[in-house]
Amino acid sequence: MTSWTFITNHGAVLALIGQQDQITAREIAKELGITERSVMRIIKDLESEGYIDRERNGRVNIYRVNTNIPLRRQGKRDIMIGDLLAVLNYNGDLEQA
């Protein structure tokens, strides 16, 4: 049986940052079961494309997701990142998503 997921690592990292603005790369890596180096590369990708902003506050990074940027997928550019995060953080009640 093959192992696959519906959400890419980029999407999963973005969702975790959307939930916790002060999460560390180490915490993300542990949560997703990927390497810290992979997480750092994904954060760099997301930052360079404008999906997240990073601010250094002492020894801590604080992230902000830019929710008004469209998805990169061809044919889905009418869906904003904020809409995707609402679905990924869905907890059974769309009014709370």
PDB file of N, CA and C in Angstrom:
ATOM      1  N   MET A   1       0.838  -1.185   0.000  1.00  0.00           N
ATOM      2  CA  MET A   1       0.000   0.000   0.000  1.00  0.00           C
ATOM      3  C   MET A   1       0.884   1.250   0.000  1.00  0.00           C
ATOM      4  N   THR A   2       0.585   2.205  -0.860  1.00  0.00           N
ATOM      5  CA  THR A   2       1.379   3.425  -0.925  1.00  0.00           C
ATOM      6  C   THR A   2       0.937   4.409   0.146  1.00  0.00           C
ATOM      7  N   SER A   3       1.862   5.283   0.503  1.00  0.00           N
ATOM      8  CA  SER A   3       1.582   6.301   1.506  1.00  0.00           C
ATOM      9  C   SER A   3       1.472   7.654   0.805  1.00  0.00           C
ATOM     10  N   TRP A   4       0.330   8.311   0.957  1.00  0.00           N
ATOM     11  CA  TRP A   4       0.147   9.630   0.372  1.00  0.00           C
ATOM     12  C   TRP A   4      -0.827  10.423   1.230  1.00  0.00           C
ATOM     13  N   THR A   5      -0.849  11.717   1.006  1.00  0.00           N
ATOM     14  CA  THR A   5      -1.753  12.590   1.749  1.00  0.00           C
ATOM     15  C   THR A   5      -2.446  13.539   0.788  1.00  0.00           C
ATOM     16  N   PHE A   6      -3.517  14.139   1.233  1.00  0.00           N
ATOM     17  CA  PHE A   6      -4.238  15.102   0.413  1.00  0.00           C
ATOM     18  C   PHE A   6      -3.552  16.466   0.385  1.00  0.00           C
ATOM     19  N   ILE A   7      -2.844  16.798   1.425  1.00  0.00           N
ATOM     20  CA  ILE A   7      -2.238  18.118   1.558  1.00  0.00           C
ATOM     21  C   ILE A   7      -0.722  17.996   1.441  1.00  0.00           C
ATOM     22  N   THR A   8      -0.120  18.851   0.625  1.00  0.00           N
ATOM     23  CA  THR A   8       1.331  18.843   0.486  1.00  0.00           C
ATOM     24  C   THR A   8       1.979  19.338   1.771  1.00  0.00           C
ATOM     25  N   ASN A   9       3.270  19.117   1.888  1.00  0.00           N
ATOM     26  CA  ASN A   9       3.999  19.638   3.049  1.00  0.00           C
ATOM     27  C   ASN A   9       3.925  21.155   3.101  1.00  0.00           C
ATOM     28  N   HIS A  10       3.944  21.822   1.942  1.00  0.00           N
ATOM     29  CA  HIS A  10       3.822  23.279   1.932  1.00  0.00           C
ATOM     30  C   HIS A  10       2.478  23.704   2.538  1.00  0.00           C
ATOM     31  N   GLY A  11       1.414  23.043   2.146  1.00  0.00           N
ATOM     32  CA  GLY A  11       0.092  23.360   2.693  1.00  0.00           C
ATOM     33  C   GLY A  11      -0.002  23.075   4.180  1.00  0.00           C
ATOM     34  N   ALA A  12       0.593  21.965   4.599  1.00  0.00           N
ATOM     35  CA  ALA A  12       0.551  21.599   6.016  1.00  0.00           C
ATOM     36  C   ALA A  12       1.346  22.582   6.870  1.00  0.00           C
ATOM     37  N   VAL A  13       2.516  22.999   6.385  1.00  0.00           N
ATOM     38  CA  VAL A  13       3.318  23.989   7.113  1.00  0.00           C
ATOM     39  C   VAL A  13       2.553  25.308   7.195  1.00  0.00           C
ATOM     40  N   LEU A  14       1.964  25.726   6.099  1.00  0.00           N
ATOM     41  CA  LEU A  14       1.196  26.968   6.083  1.00  0.00           C
ATOM     42  C   LEU A  14       0.034  26.900   7.080  1.00  0.00           C
ATOM     43  N   ALA A  15      -0.644  25.760   7.132  1.00  0.00           N
ATOM     44  CA  ALA A  15      -1.767  25.602   8.059  1.00  0.00           C
ATOM     45  C   ALA A  15      -1.301  25.705   9.510  1.00  0.00           C
ATOM     46  N   LEU A  16      -0.179  25.074   9.838  1.00  0.00           N
ATOM     47  CA  LEU A  16       0.334  25.150  11.213  1.00  0.00           C
ATOM     48  C   LEU A  16       0.747  26.571  11.572  1.00  0.00           C
ATOM     49  N   ILE A  17       1.382  27.266  10.635  1.00  0.00           N
ATOM     50  CA  ILE A  17       1.759  28.663  10.890  1.00  0.00           C
ATOM     51  C   ILE A  17       0.503  29.516  11.057  1.00  0.00           C
ATOM     52  N   GLY A  18      -0.534  29.210  10.290  1.00  0.00           N
ATOM     53  CA  GLY A  18      -1.797  29.929  10.427  1.00  0.00           C
ATOM     54  C   GLY A  18      -2.455  29.720  11.779  1.00  0.00           C
ATOM     55  N   GLN A  19      -2.211  28.546  12.382  1.00  0.00           N
ATOM     56  CA  GLN A  19      -2.782  28.249  13.697  1.00  0.00           C
ATOM     57  C   GLN A  19      -1.957  28.839  14.828  1.00  0.00           C
ATOM     58  N   GLN A  20      -0.627  28.861  14.663  1.00  0.00           N
ATOM     59  CA  GLN A  20       0.277  29.333  15.723  1.00  0.00           C
ATOM     60  C   GLN A  20       1.330  30.242  15.098  1.00  0.00           C
ATOM     61  N   ASP A  21       1.263  31.513  15.357  1.00  0.00           N
ATOM     62  CA  ASP A  21       2.192  32.439  14.710  1.00  0.00           C
ATOM     63  C   ASP A  21       3.608  32.394  15.271  1.00  0.00           C
ATOM     64  N   GLN A  22       3.823  31.716  16.404  1.00  0.00           N
ATOM     65  CA  GLN A  22       5.168  31.617  16.976  1.00  0.00           C
ATOM     66  C   GLN A  22       5.685  30.184  17.009  1.00  0.00           C
ATOM     67  N   ILE A  23       5.186  29.327  16.157  1.00  0.00           N
ATOM     68  CA  ILE A  23       5.625  27.938  16.120  1.00  0.00           C
ATOM     69  C   ILE A  23       7.033  27.860  15.525  1.00  0.00           C
ATOM     70  N   THR A  24       7.844  26.966  16.035  1.00  0.00           N
ATOM     71  CA  THR A  24       9.217  26.829  15.537  1.00  0.00           C
ATOM     72  C   THR A  24       9.285  25.777  14.434  1.00  0.00           C
ATOM     73  N   ALA A  25      10.347  25.851  13.659  1.00  0.00           N
ATOM     74  CA  ALA A  25      10.576  24.857  12.609  1.00  0.00           C
ATOM     75  C   ALA A  25      10.675  23.466  13.220  1.00  0.00           C
ATOM     76  N   ARG A  26      11.292  23.364  14.362  1.00  0.00           N
ATOM     77  CA  ARG A  26      11.414  22.072  15.045  1.00  0.00           C
ATOM     78  C   ARG A  26      10.034  21.524  15.421  1.00  0.00           C
ATOM     79  N   GLU A  27       9.167  22.386  15.940  1.00  0.00           N
ATOM     80  CA  GLU A  27       7.824  21.948  16.315  1.00  0.00           C
ATOM     81  C   GLU A  27       7.014  21.522  15.085  1.00  0.00           C
ATOM     82  N   ILE A  28       7.153  22.277  14.001  1.00  0.00           N
ATOM     83  CA  ILE A  28       6.458  21.927  12.762  1.00  0.00           C
ATOM     84  C   ILE A  28       6.950  20.579  12.250  1.00  0.00           C
ATOM     85  N   ALA A  29       8.263  20.398  12.239  1.00  0.00           N
ATOM     86  CA  ALA A  29       8.855  19.144  11.761  1.00  0.00           C
ATOM     87  C   ALA A  29       8.340  17.961  12.564  1.00  0.00           C
ATOM     88  N   LYS A  30       8.297  18.106  13.869  1.00  0.00           N
ATOM     89  CA  LYS A  30       7.828  17.026  14.733  1.00  0.00           C
ATOM     90  C   LYS A  30       6.359  16.718  14.454  1.00  0.00           C
ATOM     91  N   GLU A  31       5.560  17.752  14.320  1.00  0.00           N
ATOM     92  CA  GLU A  31       4.121  17.579  14.070  1.00  0.00           C
ATOM     93  C   GLU A  31       3.851  16.882  12.733  1.00  0.00           C
ATOM     94  N   LEU A  32       4.644  17.221  11.713  1.00  0.00           N
ATOM     95  CA  LEU A  32       4.395  16.684  10.369  1.00  0.00           C
ATOM     96  C   LEU A  32       5.207  15.437  10.047  1.00  0.00           C
ATOM     97  N   GLY A  33       6.202  15.131  10.872  1.00  0.00           N
ATOM     98  CA  GLY A  33       7.022  13.960  10.606  1.00  0.00           C
ATOM     99  C   GLY A  33       7.978  14.148   9.442  1.00  0.00           C
ATOM    100  N   ILE A  34       8.455  15.390   9.281  1.00  0.00           N
ATOM    101  CA  ILE A  34       9.449  15.697   8.257  1.00  0.00           C
ATOM    102  C   ILE A  34      10.650  16.340   8.936  1.00  0.00           C
ATOM    103  N   THR A  35      11.726  16.545   8.192  1.00  0.00           N
ATOM    104  CA  THR A  35      12.930  17.099   8.802  1.00  0.00           C
ATOM    105  C   THR A  35      12.794  18.606   9.020  1.00  0.00           C
ATOM    106  N   GLU A  36      13.535  19.089   9.989  1.00  0.00           N
ATOM    107  CA  GLU A  36      13.567  20.525  10.261  1.00  0.00           C
ATOM    108  C   GLU A  36      14.118  21.282   9.057  1.00  0.00           C
ATOM    109  N   ARG A  37      15.094  20.693   8.380  1.00  0.00           N
ATOM    110  CA  ARG A  37      15.658  21.310   7.181  1.00  0.00           C
ATOM    111  C   ARG A  37      14.587  21.477   6.104  1.00  0.00           C
ATOM    112  N   SER A  38      13.722  20.473   5.937  1.00  0.00           N
ATOM    113  CA  SER A  38      12.622  20.566   4.965  1.00  0.00           C
ATOM    114  C   SER A  38      11.676  21.697   5.343  1.00  0.00           C
ATOM    115  N   VAL A  39      11.361  21.794   6.619  1.00  0.00           N
ATOM    116  CA  VAL A  39      10.471  22.862   7.097  1.00  0.00           C
ATOM    117  C   VAL A  39      11.087  24.222   6.808  1.00  0.00           C
ATOM    118  N   MET A  40      12.373  24.372   7.070  1.00  0.00           N
ATOM    119  CA  MET A  40      13.035  25.661   6.834  1.00  0.00           C
ATOM    120  C   MET A  40      13.007  26.013   5.349  1.00  0.00           C
ATOM    121  N   ARG A  41      13.170  25.016   4.487  1.00  0.00           N
ATOM    122  CA  ARG A  41      13.117  25.259   3.041  1.00  0.00           C
ATOM    123  C   ARG A  41      11.700  25.669   2.618  1.00  0.00           C
ATOM    124  N   ILE A  42      10.692  25.010   3.183  1.00  0.00           N
ATOM    125  CA  ILE A  42       9.299  25.346   2.872  1.00  0.00           C
ATOM    126  C   ILE A  42       8.968  26.752   3.357  1.00  0.00           C
ATOM    127  N   ILE A  43       9.403  27.105   4.563  1.00  0.00           N
ATOM    128  CA  ILE A  43       9.169  28.460   5.072  1.00  0.00           C
ATOM    129  C   ILE A  43       9.814  29.485   4.152  1.00  0.00           C
ATOM    130  N   LYS A  44      11.020  29.203   3.680  1.00  0.00           N
ATOM    131  CA  LYS A  44      11.697  30.105   2.749  1.00  0.00           C
ATOM    132  C   LYS A  44      10.889  30.244   1.459  1.00  0.00           C
ATOM    133  N   ASP A  45      10.374  29.129   0.941  1.00  0.00           N
ATOM    134  CA  ASP A  45       9.531  29.169  -0.265  1.00  0.00           C
ATOM    135  C   ASP A  45       8.293  30.025  -0.033  1.00  0.00           C
ATOM    136  N   LEU A  46       7.595  29.781   1.069  1.00  0.00           N
ATOM    137  CA  LEU A  46       6.367  30.514   1.368  1.00  0.00           C
ATOM    138  C   LEU A  46       6.639  32.000   1.551  1.00  0.00           C
ATOM    139  N   GLU A  47       7.755  32.304   2.188  1.00  0.00           N
ATOM    140  CA  GLU A  47       8.121  33.704   2.415  1.00  0.00           C
ATOM    141  C   GLU A  47       8.500  34.390   1.101  1.00  0.00           C
ATOM    142  N   SER A  48       9.272  33.723   0.269  1.00  0.00           N
ATOM    143  CA  SER A  48       9.717  34.343  -0.990  1.00  0.00           C
ATOM    144  C   SER A  48       8.559  34.574  -1.960  1.00  0.00           C
ATOM    145  N   GLU A  49       7.500  33.775  -1.860  1.00  0.00           N
ATOM    146  CA  GLU A  49       6.326  33.940  -2.719  1.00  0.00           C
ATOM    147  C   GLU A  49       5.281  34.874  -2.110  1.00  0.00           C
ATOM    148  N   GLY A  50       5.548  35.380  -0.881  1.00  0.00           N
ATOM    149  CA  GLY A  50       4.658  36.339  -0.249  1.00  0.00           C
ATOM    150  C   GLY A  50       3.509  35.744   0.546  1.00  0.00           C
ATOM    151  N   TYR A  51       3.503  34.421   0.717  1.00  0.00           N
ATOM    152  CA  TYR A  51       2.414  33.789   1.461  1.00  0.00           C
ATOM    153  C   TYR A  51       2.533  34.001   2.960  1.00  0.00           C
ATOM    154  N   ILE A  52       3.747  34.179   3.456  1.00  0.00           N
ATOM    155  CA  ILE A  52       3.940  34.496   4.871  1.00  0.00           C
ATOM    156  C   ILE A  52       4.967  35.611   4.992  1.00  0.00           C
ATOM    157  N   ASP A  53       4.858  36.349   6.085  1.00  0.00           N
ATOM    158  CA  ASP A  53       5.862  37.332   6.478  1.00  0.00           C
ATOM    159  C   ASP A  53       6.443  36.858   7.797  1.00  0.00           C
ATOM    160  N   ARG A  54       7.727  37.109   7.968  1.00  0.00           N
ATOM    161  CA  ARG A  54       8.401  36.696   9.204  1.00  0.00           C
ATOM    162  C   ARG A  54       9.015  37.926   9.842  1.00  0.00           C
ATOM    163  N   GLU A  55       8.782  38.057  11.135  1.00  0.00           N
ATOM    164  CA  GLU A  55       9.368  39.146  11.915  1.00  0.00           C
ATOM    165  C   GLU A  55      10.148  38.532  13.065  1.00  0.00           C
ATOM    166  N   ARG A  56      11.328  39.007  13.254  1.00  0.00           N
ATOM    167  CA  ARG A  56      12.169  38.517  14.347  1.00  0.00           C
ATOM    168  C   ARG A  56      11.877  39.354  15.586  1.00  0.00           C
ATOM    169  N   ASN A  57      11.571  38.690  16.692  1.00  0.00           N
ATOM    170  CA  ASN A  57      11.321  39.363  17.963  1.00  0.00           C
ATOM    171  C   ASN A  57      12.237  38.716  18.994  1.00  0.00           C
ATOM    172  N   GLY A  58      13.418  39.284  19.173  1.00  0.00           N
ATOM    173  CA  GLY A  58      14.413  38.670  20.043  1.00  0.00           C
ATOM    174  C   GLY A  58      14.906  37.386  19.405  1.00  0.00           C
ATOM    175  N   ARG A  59      14.705  36.267  20.094  1.00  0.00           N
ATOM    176  CA  ARG A  59      15.134  34.968  19.573  1.00  0.00           C
ATOM    177  C   ARG A  59      14.001  34.199  18.906  1.00  0.00           C
ATOM    178  N   VAL A  60      12.839  34.844  18.799  1.00  0.00           N
ATOM    179  CA  VAL A  60      11.646  34.168  18.295  1.00  0.00           C
ATOM    180  C   VAL A  60      11.216  34.768  16.962  1.00  0.00           C
ATOM    181  N   ASN A  61      10.827  33.902  16.021  1.00  0.00           N
ATOM    182  CA  ASN A  61      10.210  34.358  14.781  1.00  0.00           C
ATOM    183  C   ASN A  61       8.706  34.422  14.992  1.00  0.00           C
ATOM    184  N   ILE A  62       8.110  35.492  14.509  1.00  0.00           N
ATOM    185  CA  ILE A  62       6.655  35.622  14.516  1.00  0.00           C
ATOM    186  C   ILE A  62       6.225  35.665  13.057  1.00  0.00           C
ATOM    187  N   TYR A  63       5.299  34.788  12.699  1.00  0.00           N
ATOM    188  CA  TYR A  63       4.846  34.677  11.320  1.00  0.00           C
ATOM    189  C   TYR A  63       3.464  35.282  11.159  1.00  0.00           C
ATOM    190  N   ARG A  64       3.229  35.797   9.981  1.00  0.00           N
ATOM    191  CA  ARG A  64       1.900  36.294   9.610  1.00  0.00           C
ATOM    192  C   ARG A  64       1.582  35.733   8.237  1.00  0.00           C
ATOM    193  N   VAL A  65       0.433  35.084   8.113  1.00  0.00           N
ATOM    194  CA  VAL A  65      -0.006  34.545   6.832  1.00  0.00           C
ATOM    195  C   VAL A  65      -0.741  35.644   6.077  1.00  0.00           C
ATOM    196  N   ASN A  66      -0.384  35.829   4.835  1.00  0.00           N
ATOM    197  CA  ASN A  66      -1.078  36.781   3.971  1.00  0.00           C
ATOM    198  C   ASN A  66      -2.274  36.063   3.350  1.00  0.00           C
ATOM    199  N   THR A  67      -3.422  36.242   3.953  1.00  0.00           N
ATOM    200  CA  THR A  67      -4.611  35.464   3.602  1.00  0.00           C
ATOM    201  C   THR A  67      -5.276  35.893   2.299  1.00  0.00           C
ATOM    202  N   ASN A  68      -4.917  37.046   1.762  1.00  0.00           N
ATOM    203  CA  ASN A  68      -5.562  37.550   0.549  1.00  0.00           C
ATOM    204  C   ASN A  68      -4.781  37.271  -0.721  1.00  0.00           C
ATOM    205  N   ILE A  69      -3.901  36.287  -0.676  1.00  0.00           N
ATOM    206  CA  ILE A  69      -3.141  35.875  -1.861  1.00  0.00           C
ATOM    207  C   ILE A  69      -3.808  34.612  -2.408  1.00  0.00           C
ATOM    208  N   PRO A  70      -3.963  34.522  -3.729  1.00  0.00           N
ATOM    209  CA  PRO A  70      -4.620  33.334  -4.292  1.00  0.00           C
ATOM    210  C   PRO A  70      -3.720  32.103  -4.281  1.00  0.00           C
ATOM    211  N   LEU A  71      -4.358  30.936  -4.367  1.00  0.00           N
ATOM    212  CA  LEU A  71      -3.619  29.692  -4.527  1.00  0.00           C
ATOM    213  C   LEU A  71      -2.787  29.747  -5.802  1.00  0.00           C
ATOM    214  N   ARG A  72      -1.739  28.971  -5.864  1.00  0.00           N
ATOM    215  CA  ARG A  72      -0.870  28.938  -7.030  1.00  0.00           C
ATOM    216  C   ARG A  72      -1.384  28.007  -8.119  1.00  0.00           C
ATOM    217  N   ARG A  73      -2.266  27.100  -7.782  1.00  0.00           N
ATOM    218  CA  ARG A  73      -2.723  26.073  -8.716  1.00  0.00           C
ATOM    219  C   ARG A  73      -3.513  26.685  -9.873  1.00  0.00           C
ATOM    220  N   GLN A  74      -3.145  26.296 -11.083  1.00  0.00           N
ATOM    221  CA  GLN A  74      -3.846  26.733 -12.289  1.00  0.00           C
ATOM    222  C   GLN A  74      -5.330  26.370 -12.169  1.00  0.00           C
ATOM    223  N   GLY A  75      -6.197  27.302 -12.466  1.00  0.00           N
ATOM    224  CA  GLY A  75      -7.630  27.055 -12.396  1.00  0.00           C
ATOM    225  C   GLY A  75      -8.225  27.246 -11.009  1.00  0.00           C
ATOM    226  N   LYS A  76      -7.400  27.491 -10.010  1.00  0.00           N
ATOM    227  CA  LYS A  76      -7.876  27.695  -8.638  1.00  0.00           C
ATOM    228  C   LYS A  76      -7.419  29.042  -8.084  1.00  0.00           C
ATOM    229  N   ARG A  77      -7.042  29.951  -8.952  1.00  0.00           N
ATOM    230  CA  ARG A  77      -6.512  31.240  -8.509  1.00  0.00           C
ATOM    231  C   ARG A  77      -7.599  32.163  -7.964  1.00  0.00           C
ATOM    232  N   ASP A  78      -8.850  31.723  -8.036  1.00  0.00           N
ATOM    233  CA  ASP A  78      -9.937  32.508  -7.448  1.00  0.00           C
ATOM    234  C   ASP A  78     -10.140  32.162  -5.969  1.00  0.00           C
ATOM    235  N   ILE A  79      -9.386  31.182  -5.480  1.00  0.00           N
ATOM    236  CA  ILE A  79      -9.459  30.791  -4.066  1.00  0.00           C
ATOM    237  C   ILE A  79      -8.297  31.425  -3.310  1.00  0.00           C
ATOM    238  N   MET A  80      -8.622  32.140  -2.261  1.00  0.00           N
ATOM    239  CA  MET A  80      -7.605  32.824  -1.469  1.00  0.00           C
ATOM    240  C   MET A  80      -7.042  31.885  -0.393  1.00  0.00           C
ATOM    241  N   ILE A  81      -5.820  32.155   0.026  1.00  0.00           N
ATOM    242  CA  ILE A  81      -5.164  31.359   1.066  1.00  0.00           C
ATOM    243  C   ILE A  81      -6.019  31.311   2.336  1.00  0.00           C
ATOM    244  N   GLY A  82      -6.649  32.416   2.680  1.00  0.00           N
ATOM    245  CA  GLY A  82      -7.510  32.440   3.862  1.00  0.00           C
ATOM    246  C   GLY A  82      -8.645  31.430   3.766  1.00  0.00           C
ATOM    247  N   ASP A  83      -9.199  31.249   2.549  1.00  0.00           N
ATOM    248  CA  ASP A  83     -10.256  30.264   2.343  1.00  0.00           C
ATOM    249  C   ASP A  83      -9.721  28.847   2.563  1.00  0.00           C
ATOM    250  N   LEU A  84      -8.523  28.579   2.043  1.00  0.00           N
ATOM    251  CA  LEU A  84      -7.898  27.269   2.229  1.00  0.00           C
ATOM    252  C   LEU A  84      -7.657  26.996   3.715  1.00  0.00           C
ATOM    253  N   LEU A  85      -7.127  27.988   4.422  1.00  0.00           N
ATOM    254  CA  LEU A  85      -6.851  27.801   5.854  1.00  0.00           C
ATOM    255  C   LEU A  85      -8.132  27.566   6.634  1.00  0.00           C
ATOM    256  N   ALA A  86      -9.213  28.209   6.238  1.00  0.00           N
ATOM    257  CA  ALA A  86     -10.493  27.987   6.916  1.00  0.00           C
ATOM    258  C   ALA A  86     -10.930  26.534   6.772  1.00  0.00           C
ATOM    259  N   VAL A  87     -10.721  25.955   5.597  1.00  0.00           N
ATOM    260  CA  VAL A  87     -11.082  24.555   5.374  1.00  0.00           C
ATOM    261  C   VAL A  87     -10.135  23.636   6.139  1.00  0.00           C
ATOM    262  N   LEU A  88      -8.836  23.901   6.091  1.00  0.00           N
ATOM    263  CA  LEU A  88      -7.866  23.046   6.770  1.00  0.00           C
ATOM    264  C   LEU A  88      -8.043  23.067   8.282  1.00  0.00           C
ATOM    265  N   ASN A  89      -8.533  24.153   8.810  1.00  0.00           N
ATOM    266  CA  ASN A  89      -8.741  24.266  10.247  1.00  0.00           C
ATOM    267  C   ASN A  89     -10.185  23.935  10.642  1.00  0.00           C
ATOM    268  N   TYR A  90     -10.937  23.405   9.717  1.00  0.00           N
ATOM    269  CA  TYR A  90     -12.326  23.034   9.924  1.00  0.00           C
ATOM    270  C   TYR A  90     -12.466  22.074  11.109  1.00  0.00           C
ATOM    271  N   ASN A  91     -13.374  22.380  12.004  1.00  0.00           N
ATOM    272  CA  ASN A  91     -13.545  21.543  13.195  1.00  0.00           C
ATOM    273  C   ASN A  91     -14.951  20.981  13.317  1.00  0.00           C
ATOM    274  N   GLY A  92     -15.689  20.926  12.221  1.00  0.00           N
ATOM    275  CA  GLY A  92     -17.030  20.352  12.239  1.00  0.00           C
ATOM    276  C   GLY A  92     -18.133  21.387  12.169  1.00  0.00           C
ATOM    277  N   ASP A  93     -17.795  22.649  12.294  1.00  0.00           N
ATOM    278  CA  ASP A  93     -18.787  23.713  12.246  1.00  0.00           C
ATOM    279  C   ASP A  93     -18.247  24.805  11.328  1.00  0.00           C
ATOM    280  N   LEU A  94     -18.829  24.925  10.147  1.00  0.00           N
ATOM    281  CA  LEU A  94     -18.333  25.902   9.179  1.00  0.00           C
ATOM    282  C   LEU A  94     -18.438  27.331   9.685  1.00  0.00           C
ATOM    283  N   GLU A  95     -19.341  27.615  10.595  1.00  0.00           N
ATOM    284  CA  GLU A  95     -19.438  28.951  11.157  1.00  0.00           C
ATOM    285  C   GLU A  95     -18.198  29.326  11.962  1.00  0.00           C
ATOM    286  N   GLN A  96     -17.475  28.324  12.499  1.00  0.00           N
ATOM    287  CA  GLN A  96     -16.294  28.588  13.299  1.00  0.00           C
ATOM    288  C   GLN A  96     -15.024  28.485  12.484  1.00  0.00           C
ATOM    289  N   ALA A  97     -15.100  27.992  11.255  1.00  0.00           N
ATOM    290  CA  ALA A  97     -13.905  27.792  10.439  1.00  0.00           C
ATOM    291  C   ALA A  97     -13.354  29.105   9.970  1.00  0.00           C
TER     292      ALA A  97
END
